[in-house]
PDB file of N, CA and C in Angstrom:
ATOM      1  N   MET A   1      47.210 -29.275  -1.669  1.00  0.00           N
ATOM      2  CA  MET A   1      46.839 -28.100  -2.416  1.00  0.00           C
ATOM      3  C   MET A   1      45.641 -28.357  -3.314  1.00  0.00           C
ATOM      4  N   THR A   2      45.556 -29.562  -3.841  1.00  0.00           N
ATOM      5  CA  THR A   2      44.489 -29.864  -4.788  1.00  0.00           C
ATOM      6  C   THR A   2      43.123 -29.758  -4.125  1.00  0.00           C
ATOM      7  N   SER A   3      43.004 -30.243  -2.900  1.00  0.00           N
ATOM      8  CA  SER A   3      41.709 -30.166  -2.233  1.00  0.00           C
ATOM      9  C   SER A   3      41.352 -28.713  -1.891  1.00  0.00           C
ATOM     10  N   LEU A   4      42.366 -27.918  -1.630  1.00  0.00           N
ATOM     11  CA  LEU A   4      42.126 -26.500  -1.357  1.00  0.00           C
ATOM     12  C   LEU A   4      41.592 -25.800  -2.602  1.00  0.00           C
ATOM     13  N   ALA A   5      42.180 -26.110  -3.755  1.00  0.00           N
ATOM     14  CA  ALA A   5      41.721 -25.520  -5.019  1.00  0.00           C
ATOM     15  C   ALA A   5      40.313 -26.000  -5.341  1.00  0.00           C
ATOM     16  N   ALA A   6      40.050 -27.269  -5.111  1.00  0.00           N
ATOM     17  CA  ALA A   6      38.711 -27.812  -5.377  1.00  0.00           C
ATOM     18  C   ALA A   6      37.677 -27.153  -4.462  1.00  0.00           C
ATOM     19  N   THR A   7      38.034 -26.944  -3.232  1.00  0.00           N
ATOM     20  CA  THR A   7      37.127 -26.287  -2.290  1.00  0.00           C
ATOM     21  C   THR A   7      36.856 -24.851  -2.720  1.00  0.00           C
ATOM     22  N   ALA A   8      37.895 -24.167  -3.175  1.00  0.00           N
ATOM     23  CA  ALA A   8      37.735 -22.784  -3.629  1.00  0.00           C
ATOM     24  C   ALA A   8      36.826 -22.715  -4.845  1.00  0.00           C
ATOM     25  N   VAL A   9      37.013 -23.642  -5.790  1.00  0.00           N
ATOM     26  CA  VAL A   9      36.173 -23.672  -6.988  1.00  0.00           C
ATOM     27  C   VAL A   9      34.729 -23.966  -6.607  1.00  0.00           C
ATOM     28  N   GLN A  10      34.546 -24.885  -5.683  1.00  0.00           N
ATOM     29  CA  GLN A  10      33.196 -25.232  -5.236  1.00  0.00           C
ATOM     30  C   GLN A  10      32.527 -24.030  -4.554  1.00  0.00           C
ATOM     31  N   MET A  11      33.285 -23.304  -3.752  1.00  0.00           N
ATOM     32  CA  MET A  11      32.734 -22.131  -3.069  1.00  0.00           C
ATOM     33  C   MET A  11      32.369 -21.037  -4.070  1.00  0.00           C
ATOM     34  N   LEU A  12      33.223 -20.838  -5.093  1.00  0.00           N
ATOM     35  CA  LEU A  12      32.932 -19.837  -6.116  1.00  0.00           C
ATOM     36  C   LEU A  12      31.685 -20.216  -6.897  1.00  0.00           C
ATOM     37  N   GLY A  13      31.554 -21.503  -7.228  1.00  0.00           N
ATOM     38  CA  GLY A  13      30.371 -21.974  -7.948  1.00  0.00           C
ATOM     39  C   GLY A  13      29.119 -21.798  -7.125  1.00  0.00           C
ATOM     40  N   SER A  14      29.210 -22.097  -5.850  1.00  0.00           N
ATOM     41  CA  SER A  14      28.072 -21.929  -4.952  1.00  0.00           C
ATOM     42  C   SER A  14      27.673 -20.461  -4.839  1.00  0.00           C
ATOM     43  N   SER A  15      28.667 -19.602  -4.739  1.00  0.00           N
ATOM     44  CA  SER A  15      28.404 -18.160  -4.649  1.00  0.00           C
ATOM     45  C   SER A  15      27.740 -17.652  -5.925  1.00  0.00           C
ATOM     46  N   GLN A  16      28.222 -18.129  -7.074  1.00  0.00           N
ATOM     47  CA  GLN A  16      27.646 -17.705  -8.352  1.00  0.00           C
ATOM     48  C   GLN A  16      26.197 -18.190  -8.465  1.00  0.00           C
ATOM     49  N   ASN A  17      25.924 -19.419  -8.048  1.00  0.00           N
ATOM     50  CA  ASN A  17      24.557 -19.942  -8.080  1.00  0.00           C
ATOM     51  C   ASN A  17      23.639 -19.114  -7.189  1.00  0.00           C
ATOM     52  N   GLN A  18      24.142 -18.694  -6.045  1.00  0.00           N
ATOM     53  CA  GLN A  18      23.345 -17.875  -5.134  1.00  0.00           C
ATOM     54  C   GLN A  18      23.054 -16.509  -5.762  1.00  0.00           C
ATOM     55  N   GLN A  19      24.048 -15.945  -6.431  1.00  0.00           N
ATOM     56  CA  GLN A  19      23.841 -14.646  -7.093  1.00  0.00           C
ATOM     57  C   GLN A  19      22.821 -14.763  -8.216  1.00  0.00           C
ATOM     58  N   ILE A  20      22.887 -15.848  -8.976  1.00  0.00           N
ATOM     59  CA  ILE A  20      21.920 -16.062 -10.055  1.00  0.00           C
ATOM     60  C   ILE A  20      20.521 -16.239  -9.468  1.00  0.00           C
ATOM     61  N   GLY A  21      20.419 -17.007  -8.413  1.00  0.00           N
ATOM     62  CA  GLY A  21      19.123 -17.212  -7.763  1.00  0.00           C
ATOM     63  C   GLY A  21      18.543 -15.909  -7.245  1.00  0.00           C
ATOM     64  N   THR A  22      19.377 -15.066  -6.671  1.00  0.00           N
ATOM     65  CA  THR A  22      18.920 -13.769  -6.170  1.00  0.00           C
ATOM     66  C   THR A  22      18.457 -12.882  -7.315  1.00  0.00           C
ATOM     67  N   ALA A  23      19.197 -12.892  -8.420  1.00  0.00           N
ATOM     68  CA  ALA A  23      18.818 -12.078  -9.572  1.00  0.00           C
ATOM     69  C   ALA A  23      17.487 -12.547 -10.156  1.00  0.00           C
ATOM     70  N   VAL A  24      17.300 -13.845 -10.233  1.00  0.00           N
ATOM     71  CA  VAL A  24      16.041 -14.393 -10.756  1.00  0.00           C
ATOM     72  C   VAL A  24      14.881 -14.017  -9.836  1.00  0.00           C
ATOM     73  N   ALA A  25      15.090 -14.115  -8.546  1.00  0.00           N
ATOM     74  CA  ALA A  25      14.027 -13.761  -7.594  1.00  0.00           C
ATOM     75  C   ALA A  25      13.665 -12.285  -7.702  1.00  0.00           C
ATOM     76  N   ARG A  26      14.670 -11.427  -7.842  1.00  0.00           N
ATOM     77  CA  ARG A  26      14.401  -9.988  -7.974  1.00  0.00           C
ATOM     78  C   ARG A  26      13.640  -9.695  -9.267  1.00  0.00           C
ATOM     79  N   GLN A  27      14.016 -10.388 -10.343  1.00  0.00           N
ATOM     80  CA  GLN A  27      13.330 -10.187 -11.622  1.00  0.00           C
ATOM     81  C   GLN A  27      11.879 -10.643 -11.524  1.00  0.00           C
ATOM     82  N   GLN A  28      11.636 -11.735 -10.842  1.00  0.00           N
ATOM     83  CA  GLN A  28      10.269 -12.239 -10.685  1.00  0.00           C
ATOM     84  C   GLN A  28       9.438 -11.273  -9.855  1.00  0.00           C
ATOM     85  N   ILE A  29      10.010 -10.730  -8.803  1.00  0.00           N
ATOM     86  CA  ILE A  29       9.289  -9.764  -7.969  1.00  0.00           C
ATOM     87  C   ILE A  29       8.960  -8.515  -8.776  1.00  0.00           C
ATOM     88  N   ALA A  30       9.904  -8.044  -9.570  1.00  0.00           N
ATOM     89  CA  ALA A  30       9.664  -6.866 -10.408  1.00  0.00           C
ATOM     90  C   ALA A  30       8.553  -7.140 -11.416  1.00  0.00           C
ATOM     91  N   ALA A  31       8.543  -8.326 -11.999  1.00  0.00           N
ATOM     92  CA  ALA A  31       7.494  -8.678 -12.962  1.00  0.00           C
ATOM     93  C   ALA A  31       6.134  -8.741 -12.284  1.00  0.00           C
ATOM     94  N   GLU A  32       6.074  -9.310 -11.088  1.00  0.00           N
ATOM     95  CA  GLU A  32       4.806  -9.388 -10.360  1.00  0.00           C
ATOM     96  C   GLU A  32       4.295  -7.999  -9.992  1.00  0.00           C
ATOM     97  N   LYS A  33       5.202  -7.107  -9.617  1.00  0.00           N
ATOM     98  CA  LYS A  33       4.798  -5.728  -9.315  1.00  0.00           C
ATOM     99  C   LYS A  33       4.268  -5.034 -10.561  1.00  0.00           C
ATOM    100  N   ALA A  34       4.903  -5.283 -11.708  1.00  0.00           N
ATOM    101  CA  ALA A  34       4.452  -4.678 -12.962  1.00  0.00           C
ATOM    102  C   ALA A  34       3.056  -5.171 -13.323  1.00  0.00           C
ATOM    103  N   VAL A  35       2.818  -6.462 -13.172  1.00  0.00           N
ATOM    104  CA  VAL A  35       1.496  -7.018 -13.470  1.00  0.00           C
ATOM    105  C   VAL A  35       0.462  -6.449 -12.512  1.00  0.00           C
ATOM    106  N   ALA A  36       0.802  -6.341 -11.238  1.00  0.00           N
ATOM    107  CA  ALA A  36      -0.131  -5.773 -10.267  1.00  0.00           C
ATOM    108  C   ALA A  36      -0.467  -4.328 -10.615  1.00  0.00           C
ATOM    109  N   GLY A  37       0.525  -3.580 -11.080  1.00  0.00           N
ATOM    110  CA  GLY A  37       0.289  -2.200 -11.490  1.00  0.00           C
ATOM    111  C   GLY A  37      -0.638  -2.119 -12.690  1.00  0.00           C
ATOM    112  N   LEU A  38      -0.442  -3.012 -13.664  1.00  0.00           N
ATOM    113  CA  LEU A  38      -1.319  -3.032 -14.837  1.00  0.00           C
ATOM    114  C   LEU A  38      -2.749  -3.390 -14.447  1.00  0.00           C
ATOM    115  N   VAL A  39      -2.904  -4.342 -13.551  1.00  0.00           N
ATOM    116  CA  VAL A  39      -4.238  -4.735 -13.097  1.00  0.00           C
ATOM    117  C   VAL A  39      -4.904  -3.574 -12.371  1.00  0.00           C
ATOM    118  N   ALA A  40      -4.158  -2.882 -11.532  1.00  0.00           N
ATOM    119  CA  ALA A  40      -4.719  -1.742 -10.797  1.00  0.00           C
ATOM    120  C   ALA A  40      -5.119  -0.621 -11.760  1.00  0.00           C
ATOM    121  N   ASP A  41      -4.274  -0.342 -12.749  1.00  0.00           N
ATOM    122  CA  ASP A  41      -4.603   0.684 -13.746  1.00  0.00           C
ATOM    123  C   ASP A  41      -5.845   0.307 -14.527  1.00  0.00           C
ATOM    124  N   SER A  42      -5.931  -0.947 -14.926  1.00  0.00           N
ATOM    125  CA  SER A  42      -7.087  -1.422 -15.689  1.00  0.00           C
ATOM    126  C   SER A  42      -8.357  -1.306 -14.851  1.00  0.00           C
ATOM    127  N   ALA A  43      -8.277  -1.654 -13.585  1.00  0.00           N
ATOM    128  CA  ALA A  43      -9.441  -1.566 -12.705  1.00  0.00           C
ATOM    129  C   ALA A  43      -9.854  -0.109 -12.512  1.00  0.00           C
ATOM    130  N   ALA A  44      -8.883   0.775 -12.383  1.00  0.00           N
ATOM    131  CA  ALA A  44      -9.189   2.193 -12.204  1.00  0.00           C
ATOM    132  C   ALA A  44      -9.846   2.763 -13.455  1.00  0.00           C
ATOM    133  N   GLN A  45      -9.358   2.367 -14.635  1.00  0.00           N
ATOM    134  CA  GLN A  45      -9.958   2.847 -15.880  1.00  0.00           C
ATOM    135  C   GLN A  45     -11.363   2.286 -16.049  1.00  0.00           C
ATOM    136  N   GLY A  46     -11.552   1.026 -15.669  1.00  0.00           N
ATOM    137  CA  GLY A  46     -12.874   0.411 -15.766  1.00  0.00           C
ATOM    138  C   GLY A  46     -13.870   1.116 -14.868  1.00  0.00           C
ATOM    139  N   ALA A  47     -13.438   1.483 -13.677  1.00  0.00           N
ATOM    140  CA  ALA A  47     -14.328   2.178 -12.746  1.00  0.00           C
ATOM    141  C   ALA A  47     -14.643   3.581 -13.253  1.00  0.00           C
ATOM    142  N   ALA A  48     -13.668   4.228 -13.882  1.00  0.00           N
ATOM    143  CA  ALA A  48     -13.881   5.582 -14.393  1.00  0.00           C
ATOM    144  C   ALA A  48     -14.823   5.570 -15.589  1.00  0.00           C
ATOM    145  N   ASN A  49     -14.800   4.498 -16.381  1.00  0.00           N
ATOM    146  CA  ASN A  49     -15.634   4.419 -17.574  1.00  0.00           C
ATOM    147  C   ASN A  49     -16.994   3.780 -17.311  1.00  0.00           C
ATOM    148  N   ALA A  50     -17.213   3.307 -16.126  1.00  0.00           N
ATOM    149  CA  ALA A  50     -18.469   2.636 -15.808  1.00  0.00           C
ATOM    150  C   ALA A  50     -19.610   3.651 -15.748  1.00  0.00           C
ATOM    151  N   GLY A  51     -20.758   3.213 -16.186  1.00  0.00           N
ATOM    152  CA  GLY A  51     -21.936   4.071 -16.145  1.00  0.00           C
ATOM    153  C   GLY A  51     -22.535   4.080 -14.751  1.00  0.00           C
ATOM    154  N   PRO A  52     -23.681   4.733 -14.608  1.00  0.00           N
ATOM    155  CA  PRO A  52     -24.341   4.751 -13.301  1.00  0.00           C
ATOM    156  C   PRO A  52     -24.826   3.349 -12.938  1.00  0.00           C
ATOM    157  N   PRO A  53     -25.069   3.094 -11.688  1.00  0.00           N
ATOM    158  CA  PRO A  53     -25.524   1.763 -11.286  1.00  0.00           C
ATOM    159  C   PRO A  53     -26.910   1.461 -11.870  1.00  0.00           C
ATOM    160  N   ALA A  54     -27.204   0.188 -12.014  1.00  0.00           N
ATOM    161  CA  ALA A  54     -28.502  -0.230 -12.551  1.00  0.00           C
ATOM    162  C   ALA A  54     -29.609   0.147 -11.577  1.00  0.00           C
ATOM    163  N   PRO A  55     -30.806   0.453 -12.100  1.00  0.00           N
ATOM    164  CA  PRO A  55     -31.930   0.760 -11.210  1.00  0.00           C
ATOM    165  C   PRO A  55     -32.265  -0.430 -10.315  1.00  0.00           C
ATOM    166  N   ALA A  56     -32.860  -0.153  -9.203  1.00  0.00           N
ATOM    167  CA  ALA A  56     -33.221  -1.205  -8.246  1.00  0.00           C
ATOM    168  C   ALA A  56     -34.130  -2.225  -8.914  1.00  0.00           C
ATOM    169  N   GLY A  57     -33.847  -3.493  -8.702  1.00  0.00           N
ATOM    170  CA  GLY A  57     -34.680  -4.560  -9.248  1.00  0.00           C
ATOM    171  C   GLY A  57     -34.287  -4.997 -10.644  1.00  0.00           C
ATOM    172  N   GLN A  58     -33.471  -4.253 -11.329  1.00  0.00           N
ATOM    173  CA  GLN A  58     -33.085  -4.637 -12.689  1.00  0.00           C
ATOM    174  C   GLN A  58     -32.244  -5.896 -12.636  1.00  0.00           C
ATOM    175  N   GLY A  59     -32.555  -6.831 -13.548  1.00  0.00           N
ATOM    176  CA  GLY A  59     -31.826  -8.078 -13.594  1.00  0.00           C
ATOM    177  C   GLY A  59     -32.361  -9.122 -12.653  1.00  0.00           C
ATOM    178  N   GLN A  60     -33.463  -8.835 -11.978  1.00  0.00           N
ATOM    179  CA  GLN A  60     -34.023  -9.792 -11.019  1.00  0.00           C
ATOM    180  C   GLN A  60     -34.899 -10.843 -11.708  1.00  0.00           C
ATOM    181  N   SER A  61     -35.507 -10.508 -12.834  1.00  0.00           N
ATOM    182  CA  SER A  61     -36.373 -11.464 -13.528  1.00  0.00           C
ATOM    183  C   SER A  61     -36.102 -11.394 -15.019  1.00  0.00           C
ATOM    184  N   VAL A  62     -36.504 -12.445 -15.734  1.00  0.00           N
ATOM    185  CA  VAL A  62     -36.284 -12.539 -17.173  1.00  0.00           C
ATOM    186  C   VAL A  62     -37.648 -12.592 -17.847  1.00  0.00           C
ATOM    187  N   ASP A  63     -37.843 -11.744 -18.861  1.00  0.00           N
ATOM    188  CA  ASP A  63     -39.084 -11.746 -19.624  1.00  0.00           C
ATOM    189  C   ASP A  63     -38.879 -12.659 -20.828  1.00  0.00           C
ATOM    190  N   ARG A  64     -39.607 -13.785 -20.847  1.00  0.00           N
ATOM    191  CA  ARG A  64     -39.423 -14.769 -21.923  1.00  0.00           C
ATOM    192  C   ARG A  64     -40.442 -14.616 -23.044  1.00  0.00           C
ATOM    193  N   ARG A  65     -41.308 -13.624 -22.969  1.00  0.00           N
ATOM    194  CA  ARG A  65     -42.317 -13.437 -24.021  1.00  0.00           C
ATOM    195  C   ARG A  65     -41.659 -12.985 -25.309  1.00  0.00           C
ATOM    196  N   VAL A  66     -42.212 -13.448 -26.414  1.00  0.00           N
ATOM    197  CA  VAL A  66     -41.672 -13.056 -27.720  1.00  0.00           C
ATOM    198  C   VAL A  66     -42.661 -12.191 -28.436  1.00  0.00           C
TER     199      VAL A  66
END
């Protein structure tokens, strides 16, 4: 009987560890989705607030005269 009880306890512990691992994985996935959503929102706001594109040739040379 003792080995049967030990096996049952071991199986319950293993099952609990698997449930904890699954919960942690789900929480991590949810956090990654939230971060991706924030990045997408930030990029969309940045694009909406951006001015017109620079004129052709701008930024191609540097004027060092003082």
